[in-house]
């Protein structure tokens, strides 16, 4: 009967160690993937000159308003989305 409590103690200690290591490694890997993907995307967009959010103003406009043409077709009210 002696080996079981020792085995449980070793197993419990190893399990706690493994959980701690897994949390640290998971956070580091997730942060690395996140920053790598967004950094590469940001560099590519800046080098290509794209501005998908239209944050840069052209010709020093005072407003960020984008003109929108409305369609006055009644059937569009039934399928709005």
N, C-alpha and C. Protein backbone atom coordinates (compact mmCIF):
# COMPACT_ATOMS: atom_id res chain seq x y z
N UNK A 1 0.81 -1.20 0.00
CA UNK A 1 0.00 0.00 0.00
C UNK A 1 0.85 1.27 0.00
N UNK A 2 2.08 1.19 0.20
CA UNK A 2 2.95 2.35 0.28
C UNK A 2 3.13 3.05 -1.06
N UNK A 3 3.22 2.35 -2.22
CA UNK A 3 3.51 3.06 -3.47
C UNK A 3 2.40 4.01 -3.93
N UNK A 4 1.16 3.73 -3.57
CA UNK A 4 0.06 4.55 -4.08
C UNK A 4 0.10 6.00 -3.62
N UNK A 5 0.28 6.29 -2.33
CA UNK A 5 0.34 7.71 -1.93
C UNK A 5 1.54 8.44 -2.54
N UNK A 6 2.67 7.73 -2.67
CA UNK A 6 3.84 8.38 -3.27
C UNK A 6 3.57 8.66 -4.75
N UNK A 7 2.96 7.69 -5.43
CA UNK A 7 2.63 7.87 -6.85
C UNK A 7 1.64 9.01 -7.06
N UNK A 8 0.69 9.12 -6.15
CA UNK A 8 -0.29 10.21 -6.26
C UNK A 8 0.38 11.56 -6.03
N UNK A 9 1.30 11.62 -5.10
CA UNK A 9 2.00 12.87 -4.83
C UNK A 9 2.85 13.28 -6.03
N UNK A 10 3.54 12.31 -6.60
CA UNK A 10 4.35 12.60 -7.78
C UNK A 10 3.46 13.04 -8.94
N UNK A 11 2.36 12.31 -9.13
CA UNK A 11 1.43 12.65 -10.21
C UNK A 11 0.83 14.05 -9.99
N UNK A 12 0.43 14.36 -8.77
CA UNK A 12 -0.15 15.67 -8.48
C UNK A 12 0.84 16.79 -8.68
N UNK A 13 2.07 16.58 -8.24
CA UNK A 13 3.11 17.59 -8.43
C UNK A 13 3.43 17.80 -9.90
N UNK A 14 3.54 16.69 -10.63
CA UNK A 14 3.83 16.77 -12.07
C UNK A 14 2.68 17.46 -12.81
N UNK A 15 1.45 17.15 -12.42
CA UNK A 15 0.28 17.76 -13.05
C UNK A 15 0.25 19.27 -12.80
N UNK A 16 0.54 19.71 -11.58
CA UNK A 16 0.57 21.14 -11.27
C UNK A 16 1.66 21.84 -12.06
N UNK A 17 2.83 21.21 -12.15
CA UNK A 17 3.93 21.77 -12.93
C UNK A 17 3.54 21.89 -14.41
N UNK A 18 2.93 20.85 -14.95
CA UNK A 18 2.53 20.84 -16.36
C UNK A 18 1.47 21.91 -16.64
N UNK A 19 0.53 22.09 -15.73
CA UNK A 19 -0.51 23.12 -15.92
C UNK A 19 0.10 24.52 -15.92
N UNK A 20 1.05 24.75 -15.03
CA UNK A 20 1.71 26.06 -14.97
C UNK A 20 2.48 26.33 -16.24
N UNK A 21 3.25 25.35 -16.69
CA UNK A 21 4.02 25.51 -17.91
C UNK A 21 3.09 25.71 -19.11
N UNK A 22 1.99 24.97 -19.15
CA UNK A 22 1.07 25.09 -20.31
C UNK A 22 0.44 26.47 -20.38
N UNK A 23 0.11 27.05 -19.24
CA UNK A 23 -0.47 28.40 -19.27
C UNK A 23 0.55 29.42 -19.78
N UNK A 24 1.79 29.30 -19.35
CA UNK A 24 2.82 30.24 -19.79
C UNK A 24 3.10 30.08 -21.28
N UNK A 25 3.27 28.85 -21.72
CA UNK A 25 3.59 28.61 -23.14
C UNK A 25 2.43 29.02 -24.03
N UNK A 26 1.21 28.73 -23.61
CA UNK A 26 0.04 29.11 -24.40
C UNK A 26 -0.04 30.62 -24.57
N UNK A 27 0.16 31.36 -23.51
CA UNK A 27 0.09 32.83 -23.60
C UNK A 27 1.20 33.38 -24.47
N UNK A 28 2.39 32.84 -24.36
CA UNK A 28 3.51 33.33 -25.17
C UNK A 28 3.27 33.02 -26.64
N UNK A 29 2.85 31.81 -26.95
CA UNK A 29 2.60 31.44 -28.35
C UNK A 29 1.45 32.24 -28.95
N UNK A 30 0.39 32.42 -28.18
CA UNK A 30 -0.75 33.19 -28.67
C UNK A 30 -0.36 34.64 -28.94
N UNK A 31 0.41 35.24 -28.05
CA UNK A 31 0.86 36.62 -28.25
C UNK A 31 1.77 36.71 -29.46
N UNK A 32 2.66 35.73 -29.63
CA UNK A 32 3.57 35.75 -30.77
C UNK A 32 2.82 35.64 -32.09
N UNK A 33 1.85 34.75 -32.16
CA UNK A 33 1.07 34.61 -33.39
C UNK A 33 0.25 35.87 -33.65
N UNK A 34 -0.37 36.41 -32.62
CA UNK A 34 -1.20 37.61 -32.76
C UNK A 34 -0.37 38.78 -33.30
N UNK A 35 0.76 39.07 -32.65
CA UNK A 35 1.56 40.21 -33.07
C UNK A 35 2.22 39.98 -34.42
N UNK A 36 2.59 38.74 -34.72
CA UNK A 36 3.18 38.45 -36.02
C UNK A 36 2.18 38.69 -37.14
N UNK A 37 0.97 38.18 -36.99
CA UNK A 37 -0.05 38.34 -38.03
C UNK A 37 -0.38 39.81 -38.24
N UNK A 38 -0.63 40.53 -37.16
CA UNK A 38 -1.03 41.93 -37.30
C UNK A 38 0.14 42.82 -37.73
N UNK A 39 1.34 42.49 -37.31
CA UNK A 39 2.50 43.28 -37.72
C UNK A 39 2.75 43.12 -39.22
N UNK A 40 2.69 41.89 -39.70
CA UNK A 40 2.91 41.65 -41.13
C UNK A 40 1.80 42.32 -41.96
N UNK A 41 0.57 42.23 -41.50
CA UNK A 41 -0.55 42.85 -42.21
C UNK A 41 -0.39 44.37 -42.23
N UNK A 42 -0.03 44.97 -41.11
CA UNK A 42 0.12 46.42 -41.03
C UNK A 42 1.26 46.91 -41.93
N UNK A 43 2.38 46.19 -41.92
CA UNK A 43 3.51 46.59 -42.76
C UNK A 43 3.14 46.48 -44.23
N UNK A 44 2.46 45.40 -44.61
CA UNK A 44 2.04 45.22 -45.99
C UNK A 44 1.09 46.33 -46.44
N UNK A 45 0.12 46.67 -45.59
CA UNK A 45 -0.84 47.73 -45.95
C UNK A 45 -0.15 49.08 -46.06
N UNK A 46 0.79 49.37 -45.18
CA UNK A 46 1.48 50.66 -45.26
C UNK A 46 2.37 50.75 -46.49
N UNK A 47 3.05 49.65 -46.81
CA UNK A 47 3.92 49.66 -47.99
C UNK A 47 3.13 49.75 -49.28
N UNK A 48 1.95 49.13 -49.30
CA UNK A 48 1.13 49.17 -50.51
C UNK A 48 0.31 50.47 -50.61
N UNK A 49 0.25 51.24 -49.53
CA UNK A 49 -0.47 52.51 -49.56
C UNK A 49 -1.96 52.39 -49.36
N UNK A 50 -2.44 51.23 -48.97
CA UNK A 50 -3.88 51.06 -48.75
C UNK A 50 -4.28 51.65 -47.41
N UNK A 51 -5.48 52.19 -47.36
CA UNK A 51 -6.05 52.74 -46.14
C UNK A 51 -7.50 52.26 -46.04
N UNK A 52 -7.72 51.00 -45.64
CA UNK A 52 -9.07 50.45 -45.66
C UNK A 52 -10.05 51.17 -44.73
N UNK A 53 -9.56 51.79 -43.67
CA UNK A 53 -10.45 52.51 -42.76
C UNK A 53 -10.60 53.98 -43.13
N UNK A 54 -9.89 54.40 -44.16
CA UNK A 54 -9.93 55.78 -44.66
C UNK A 54 -9.61 56.78 -43.55
N UNK A 55 -8.53 56.52 -42.84
CA UNK A 55 -8.13 57.41 -41.73
C UNK A 55 -7.34 58.61 -42.21
N UNK A 56 -6.67 58.49 -43.34
CA UNK A 56 -5.93 59.63 -43.89
C UNK A 56 -6.87 60.50 -44.71
N UNK A 57 -6.88 61.75 -44.42
CA UNK A 57 -7.76 62.66 -45.15
C UNK A 57 -7.09 63.10 -46.44
N UNK A 58 -7.87 63.17 -47.47
CA UNK A 58 -7.37 63.63 -48.76
C UNK A 58 -7.71 65.11 -48.93
N UNK A 59 -6.77 65.87 -49.39
CA UNK A 59 -6.96 67.29 -49.68
C UNK A 59 -7.42 68.08 -48.45
N UNK A 60 -7.02 67.65 -47.29
CA UNK A 60 -7.34 68.35 -46.04
C UNK A 60 -8.84 68.61 -45.89
N UNK A 61 -9.63 67.58 -46.13
CA UNK A 61 -11.08 67.73 -45.96
C UNK A 61 -11.40 68.02 -44.50
N UNK A 62 -12.46 68.78 -44.30
CA UNK A 62 -12.87 69.09 -42.94
C UNK A 62 -13.68 67.96 -42.32
N UNK A 63 -14.31 67.18 -43.15
CA UNK A 63 -15.22 66.16 -42.66
C UNK A 63 -14.80 64.78 -43.17
N UNK A 64 -15.17 63.78 -42.42
CA UNK A 64 -14.92 62.40 -42.83
C UNK A 64 -16.16 61.81 -43.51
N UNK A 65 -17.13 62.64 -43.80
CA UNK A 65 -18.38 62.19 -44.38
C UNK A 65 -18.15 61.67 -45.79
N UNK A 66 -18.75 60.53 -46.08
CA UNK A 66 -18.68 59.95 -47.42
C UNK A 66 -20.08 60.06 -48.03
N UNK A 67 -20.21 60.72 -49.17
CA UNK A 67 -21.53 60.86 -49.79
C UNK A 67 -22.13 59.49 -50.10
N UNK A 68 -23.41 59.38 -49.86
CA UNK A 68 -24.12 58.12 -50.07
C UNK A 68 -25.32 58.37 -50.97
N UNK A 69 -25.45 57.57 -52.00
CA UNK A 69 -26.59 57.71 -52.89
C UNK A 69 -27.70 56.78 -52.42
N UNK A 70 -28.85 57.36 -52.19
CA UNK A 70 -29.97 56.55 -51.73
C UNK A 70 -30.76 56.05 -52.93
N UNK A 71 -31.35 54.89 -52.72
CA UNK A 71 -32.21 54.32 -53.75
C UNK A 71 -33.64 54.39 -53.24
N UNK A 72 -34.48 55.04 -53.98
CA UNK A 72 -35.87 55.18 -53.57
C UNK A 72 -36.72 54.09 -54.20
N UNK A 73 -36.41 52.87 -53.87
CA UNK A 73 -37.18 51.74 -54.38
C UNK A 73 -37.88 51.09 -53.19
N UNK A 74 -39.20 51.05 -53.20
CA UNK A 74 -39.95 50.53 -52.04
C UNK A 74 -39.63 49.07 -51.71
N UNK A 75 -39.30 48.25 -52.69
CA UNK A 75 -39.05 46.84 -52.40
C UNK A 75 -37.81 46.65 -51.54
N UNK A 76 -36.94 47.65 -51.47
CA UNK A 76 -35.74 47.52 -50.64
C UNK A 76 -36.05 47.57 -49.15
N UNK A 77 -37.22 48.09 -48.77
CA UNK A 77 -37.58 48.14 -47.37
C UNK A 77 -37.87 46.75 -46.82
N UNK A 78 -38.24 45.83 -47.68
CA UNK A 78 -38.56 44.48 -47.24
C UNK A 78 -37.32 43.61 -47.08
N UNK A 79 -36.23 43.99 -47.74
CA UNK A 79 -34.97 43.22 -47.63
C UNK A 79 -33.85 44.20 -47.27
N UNK A 80 -33.82 44.60 -46.02
CA UNK A 80 -32.86 45.61 -45.60
C UNK A 80 -31.46 45.04 -45.39
N UNK A 81 -31.35 43.78 -45.11
CA UNK A 81 -30.02 43.23 -44.78
C UNK A 81 -29.60 42.20 -45.76
